[in-house]
Amino acid sequence: MPQTAKAPLDADEERVARAQRLLIQLGAALVSQPFDTRTHDQLRAFLADDADDVLASLQALQRRPESELRRRVAELAGHNLLPAGGAA
C-alpha cells in the first residue's frame, strides 16, 4: 500500500500502525469465523513475536509531548491543527 502522507512514519509510528491494521483484520476475522484455526495461529504468533515491541513503541509515542504529537499529525495529514481549546 503506497503512503500518501507528506512525511514518512518513523519506526515507532510504523510498528504501531501495522499492528493496528493487523489486529483490526484479525478481530474482524474472529467475529466472522470465531473458530478459524489460521486466525487463531496468526493472533498467537503476533502475541508471541511482536506484541512486546509494539507495546514499547506505543509507550514511546504516548510519552511524546502534545506539541510534538500535534506537529506530527499536521505533517502526516498535510495541514495544521488548532491548539487545544479551539481558536488559534
N, C-alpha and C. Protein backbone atom coordinates (compact mmCIF):
# COMPACT_ATOMS: atom_id res chain seq x y z
N MET A 1 0.85 -1.17 0.00
CA MET A 1 0.00 0.00 0.00
C MET A 1 0.89 1.23 0.00
N PRO A 2 0.79 2.11 -0.99
CA PRO A 2 1.65 3.29 -1.03
C PRO A 2 1.23 4.29 0.03
N GLN A 3 2.22 5.00 0.55
CA GLN A 3 1.94 6.00 1.56
C GLN A 3 1.62 7.32 0.88
N THR A 4 0.52 7.95 1.27
CA THR A 4 0.11 9.19 0.66
C THR A 4 0.43 10.39 1.54
N ALA A 5 0.87 10.17 2.76
CA ALA A 5 1.20 11.28 3.66
C ALA A 5 2.43 12.01 3.16
N LYS A 6 2.57 13.26 3.59
CA LYS A 6 3.69 14.08 3.15
C LYS A 6 4.99 13.71 3.85
N ALA A 7 4.90 13.14 5.03
CA ALA A 7 6.09 12.77 5.80
C ALA A 7 6.03 11.27 6.07
N PRO A 8 7.17 10.59 5.98
CA PRO A 8 7.16 9.16 6.28
C PRO A 8 6.99 8.91 7.78
N LEU A 9 6.44 7.75 8.10
CA LEU A 9 6.31 7.37 9.50
C LEU A 9 7.67 6.98 10.05
N ASP A 10 7.91 7.30 11.33
CA ASP A 10 9.14 6.82 11.95
C ASP A 10 8.91 5.37 12.37
N ALA A 11 9.93 4.73 12.90
CA ALA A 11 9.86 3.30 13.21
C ALA A 11 8.74 2.98 14.20
N ASP A 12 8.59 3.77 15.25
CA ASP A 12 7.54 3.52 16.24
C ASP A 12 6.16 3.70 15.63
N GLU A 13 5.99 4.77 14.87
CA GLU A 13 4.70 5.03 14.24
C GLU A 13 4.33 3.90 13.27
N GLU A 14 5.30 3.47 12.48
CA GLU A 14 5.07 2.38 11.52
C GLU A 14 4.71 1.09 12.22
N ARG A 15 5.44 0.75 13.27
CA ARG A 15 5.18 -0.50 14.00
C ARG A 15 3.77 -0.51 14.59
N VAL A 16 3.37 0.60 15.19
CA VAL A 16 2.05 0.68 15.80
C VAL A 16 0.95 0.67 14.72
N ALA A 17 1.16 1.37 13.63
CA ALA A 17 0.17 1.41 12.56
C ALA A 17 -0.02 0.03 11.93
N ARG A 18 1.09 -0.67 11.67
CA ARG A 18 0.99 -2.02 11.10
C ARG A 18 0.26 -2.97 12.07
N ALA A 19 0.59 -2.88 13.34
CA ALA A 19 -0.05 -3.74 14.34
C ALA A 19 -1.54 -3.43 14.43
N GLN A 20 -1.89 -2.16 14.38
CA GLN A 20 -3.29 -1.79 14.47
C GLN A 20 -4.07 -2.37 13.29
N ARG A 21 -3.52 -2.24 12.09
CA ARG A 21 -4.20 -2.82 10.91
C ARG A 21 -4.34 -4.33 11.05
N LEU A 22 -3.27 -5.00 11.47
CA LEU A 22 -3.32 -6.45 11.63
C LEU A 22 -4.35 -6.86 12.66
N LEU A 23 -4.35 -6.20 13.81
CA LEU A 23 -5.28 -6.57 14.88
C LEU A 23 -6.73 -6.30 14.51
N ILE A 24 -6.98 -5.25 13.75
CA ILE A 24 -8.34 -5.00 13.26
C ILE A 24 -8.77 -6.11 12.32
N GLN A 25 -7.87 -6.51 11.42
CA GLN A 25 -8.18 -7.61 10.49
C GLN A 25 -8.44 -8.91 11.25
N LEU A 26 -7.58 -9.20 12.22
CA LEU A 26 -7.75 -10.43 13.00
C LEU A 26 -9.03 -10.39 13.82
N GLY A 27 -9.34 -9.23 14.40
CA GLY A 27 -10.57 -9.09 15.16
C GLY A 27 -11.80 -9.31 14.29
N ALA A 28 -11.79 -8.74 13.10
CA ALA A 28 -12.91 -8.95 12.18
C ALA A 28 -13.02 -10.41 11.78
N ALA A 29 -11.88 -11.05 11.55
CA ALA A 29 -11.88 -12.47 11.19
C ALA A 29 -12.42 -13.32 12.33
N LEU A 30 -12.06 -12.97 13.56
CA LEU A 30 -12.57 -13.73 14.71
C LEU A 30 -14.08 -13.57 14.87
N VAL A 31 -14.59 -12.40 14.54
CA VAL A 31 -16.04 -12.18 14.64
C VAL A 31 -16.76 -12.98 13.56
N SER A 32 -16.24 -12.94 12.35
CA SER A 32 -16.94 -13.62 11.25
C SER A 32 -16.75 -15.14 11.27
N GLN A 33 -15.58 -15.59 11.73
CA GLN A 33 -15.31 -17.04 11.80
C GLN A 33 -14.54 -17.34 13.09
N PRO A 34 -15.26 -17.36 14.21
CA PRO A 34 -14.59 -17.45 15.52
C PRO A 34 -13.76 -18.71 15.75
N PHE A 35 -13.96 -19.75 14.98
CA PHE A 35 -13.22 -20.99 15.21
C PHE A 35 -12.19 -21.28 14.13
N ASP A 36 -11.86 -20.28 13.33
CA ASP A 36 -10.86 -20.47 12.27
C ASP A 36 -9.47 -20.60 12.90
N THR A 37 -8.86 -21.76 12.76
CA THR A 37 -7.56 -22.01 13.42
C THR A 37 -6.44 -21.16 12.84
N ARG A 38 -6.53 -20.81 11.57
CA ARG A 38 -5.48 -19.97 10.97
C ARG A 38 -5.47 -18.57 11.61
N THR A 39 -6.66 -18.03 11.84
CA THR A 39 -6.74 -16.72 12.51
C THR A 39 -6.19 -16.81 13.93
N HIS A 40 -6.53 -17.86 14.63
CA HIS A 40 -6.02 -18.05 15.99
C HIS A 40 -4.49 -18.16 15.97
N ASP A 41 -3.96 -18.88 14.98
CA ASP A 41 -2.50 -19.03 14.87
C ASP A 41 -1.83 -17.69 14.59
N GLN A 42 -2.46 -16.87 13.74
CA GLN A 42 -1.90 -15.54 13.44
C GLN A 42 -1.90 -14.66 14.69
N LEU A 43 -2.97 -14.72 15.45
CA LEU A 43 -3.05 -13.92 16.67
C LEU A 43 -2.03 -14.39 17.69
N ARG A 44 -1.90 -15.70 17.86
CA ARG A 44 -0.90 -16.24 18.78
C ARG A 44 0.51 -15.82 18.36
N ALA A 45 0.80 -15.89 17.07
CA ALA A 45 2.12 -15.50 16.57
C ALA A 45 2.39 -14.03 16.84
N PHE A 46 1.39 -13.18 16.62
CA PHE A 46 1.56 -11.76 16.92
C PHE A 46 1.87 -11.56 18.40
N LEU A 47 1.08 -12.19 19.26
CA LEU A 47 1.26 -12.02 20.70
C LEU A 47 2.63 -12.55 21.16
N ALA A 48 3.09 -13.63 20.58
CA ALA A 48 4.37 -14.23 20.98
C ALA A 48 5.56 -13.47 20.41
N ASP A 49 5.44 -12.99 19.18
CA ASP A 49 6.61 -12.45 18.48
C ASP A 49 6.68 -10.93 18.40
N ASP A 50 5.54 -10.26 18.36
CA ASP A 50 5.54 -8.83 18.04
C ASP A 50 4.93 -7.92 19.10
N ALA A 51 4.09 -8.45 19.94
CA ALA A 51 3.32 -7.59 20.85
C ALA A 51 4.21 -6.76 21.77
N ASP A 52 5.28 -7.33 22.30
CA ASP A 52 6.14 -6.57 23.22
C ASP A 52 6.76 -5.36 22.53
N ASP A 53 7.24 -5.54 21.30
CA ASP A 53 7.83 -4.42 20.56
C ASP A 53 6.79 -3.36 20.22
N VAL A 54 5.59 -3.81 19.86
CA VAL A 54 4.52 -2.86 19.53
C VAL A 54 4.13 -2.06 20.78
N LEU A 55 4.00 -2.74 21.91
CA LEU A 55 3.66 -2.03 23.14
C LEU A 55 4.74 -1.03 23.54
N ALA A 56 6.01 -1.39 23.34
CA ALA A 56 7.10 -0.46 23.63
C ALA A 56 7.02 0.76 22.71
N SER A 57 6.72 0.53 21.44
CA SER A 57 6.57 1.65 20.51
C SER A 57 5.38 2.52 20.88
N LEU A 58 4.28 1.90 21.27
CA LEU A 58 3.11 2.67 21.68
C LEU A 58 3.42 3.52 22.90
N GLN A 59 4.13 2.95 23.86
CA GLN A 59 4.51 3.73 25.04
C GLN A 59 5.43 4.88 24.67
N ALA A 60 6.34 4.66 23.74
CA ALA A 60 7.23 5.74 23.28
C ALA A 60 6.41 6.86 22.64
N LEU A 61 5.42 6.50 21.85
CA LEU A 61 4.56 7.52 21.22
C LEU A 61 3.75 8.26 22.28
N GLN A 62 3.26 7.56 23.28
CA GLN A 62 2.45 8.19 24.33
C GLN A 62 3.27 9.12 25.21
N ARG A 63 4.57 8.92 25.27
CA ARG A 63 5.44 9.80 26.07
C ARG A 63 5.77 11.10 25.35
N ARG A 64 5.48 11.19 24.07
CA ARG A 64 5.79 12.41 23.33
C ARG A 64 4.91 13.55 23.84
N PRO A 65 5.48 14.74 23.93
CA PRO A 65 4.67 15.88 24.37
C PRO A 65 3.57 16.20 23.35
N GLU A 66 2.49 16.78 23.85
CA GLU A 66 1.35 17.10 22.98
C GLU A 66 1.78 17.96 21.79
N SER A 67 2.66 18.91 22.00
CA SER A 67 3.08 19.78 20.90
C SER A 67 3.75 18.98 19.79
N GLU A 68 4.56 17.99 20.17
CA GLU A 68 5.21 17.14 19.17
C GLU A 68 4.19 16.27 18.44
N LEU A 69 3.23 15.73 19.19
CA LEU A 69 2.19 14.92 18.56
C LEU A 69 1.37 15.74 17.57
N ARG A 70 1.01 16.95 17.96
CA ARG A 70 0.26 17.82 17.06
C ARG A 70 1.06 18.15 15.80
N ARG A 71 2.36 18.39 15.97
CA ARG A 71 3.22 18.68 14.82
C ARG A 71 3.27 17.48 13.89
N ARG A 72 3.42 16.28 14.45
CA ARG A 72 3.48 15.07 13.62
C ARG A 72 2.16 14.82 12.89
N VAL A 73 1.04 15.01 13.59
CA VAL A 73 -0.25 14.83 12.93
C VAL A 73 -0.37 15.82 11.78
N ALA A 74 0.03 17.06 12.00
CA ALA A 74 -0.03 18.06 10.94
C ALA A 74 0.85 17.67 9.76
N GLU A 75 2.07 17.18 10.05
CA GLU A 75 2.96 16.75 8.98
C GLU A 75 2.35 15.61 8.19
N LEU A 76 1.81 14.63 8.89
CA LEU A 76 1.27 13.45 8.24
C LEU A 76 -0.03 13.74 7.50
N ALA A 77 -0.85 14.64 8.05
CA ALA A 77 -2.13 14.97 7.43
C ALA A 77 -1.98 16.05 6.37
N GLY A 78 -0.90 16.80 6.43
CA GLY A 78 -0.69 17.86 5.46
C GLY A 78 -1.40 19.16 5.79
N HIS A 79 -1.82 19.32 7.05
CA HIS A 79 -2.44 20.58 7.48
C HIS A 79 -2.24 20.77 8.97
N ASN A 80 -2.40 21.99 9.44
CA ASN A 80 -2.20 22.31 10.84
C ASN A 80 -3.48 22.09 11.65
N LEU A 81 -3.30 21.72 12.90
CA LEU A 81 -4.41 21.52 13.82
C LEU A 81 -4.56 22.75 14.70
N LEU A 82 -5.77 23.02 15.14
CA LEU A 82 -6.00 24.10 16.10
C LEU A 82 -5.42 23.67 17.44
N PRO A 83 -4.93 24.62 18.24
CA PRO A 83 -4.44 24.27 19.57
C PRO A 83 -5.59 23.75 20.44
N ALA A 84 -5.25 23.06 21.50
CA ALA A 84 -6.27 22.56 22.43
C ALA A 84 -7.13 23.71 22.90
N GLY A 85 -8.43 23.53 22.87
CA GLY A 85 -9.33 24.59 23.33
C GLY A 85 -9.92 25.41 22.21
N GLY A 86 -9.50 25.21 20.97
CA GLY A 86 -10.17 25.91 19.88
C GLY A 86 -9.33 26.81 19.04
N ALA A 87 -9.72 28.07 18.97
CA ALA A 87 -9.17 29.04 18.03
C ALA A 87 -7.68 29.30 18.24
N ALA A 88 -7.04 29.62 17.16
CA ALA A 88 -5.59 29.88 17.18
C ALA A 88 -5.28 31.26 17.67
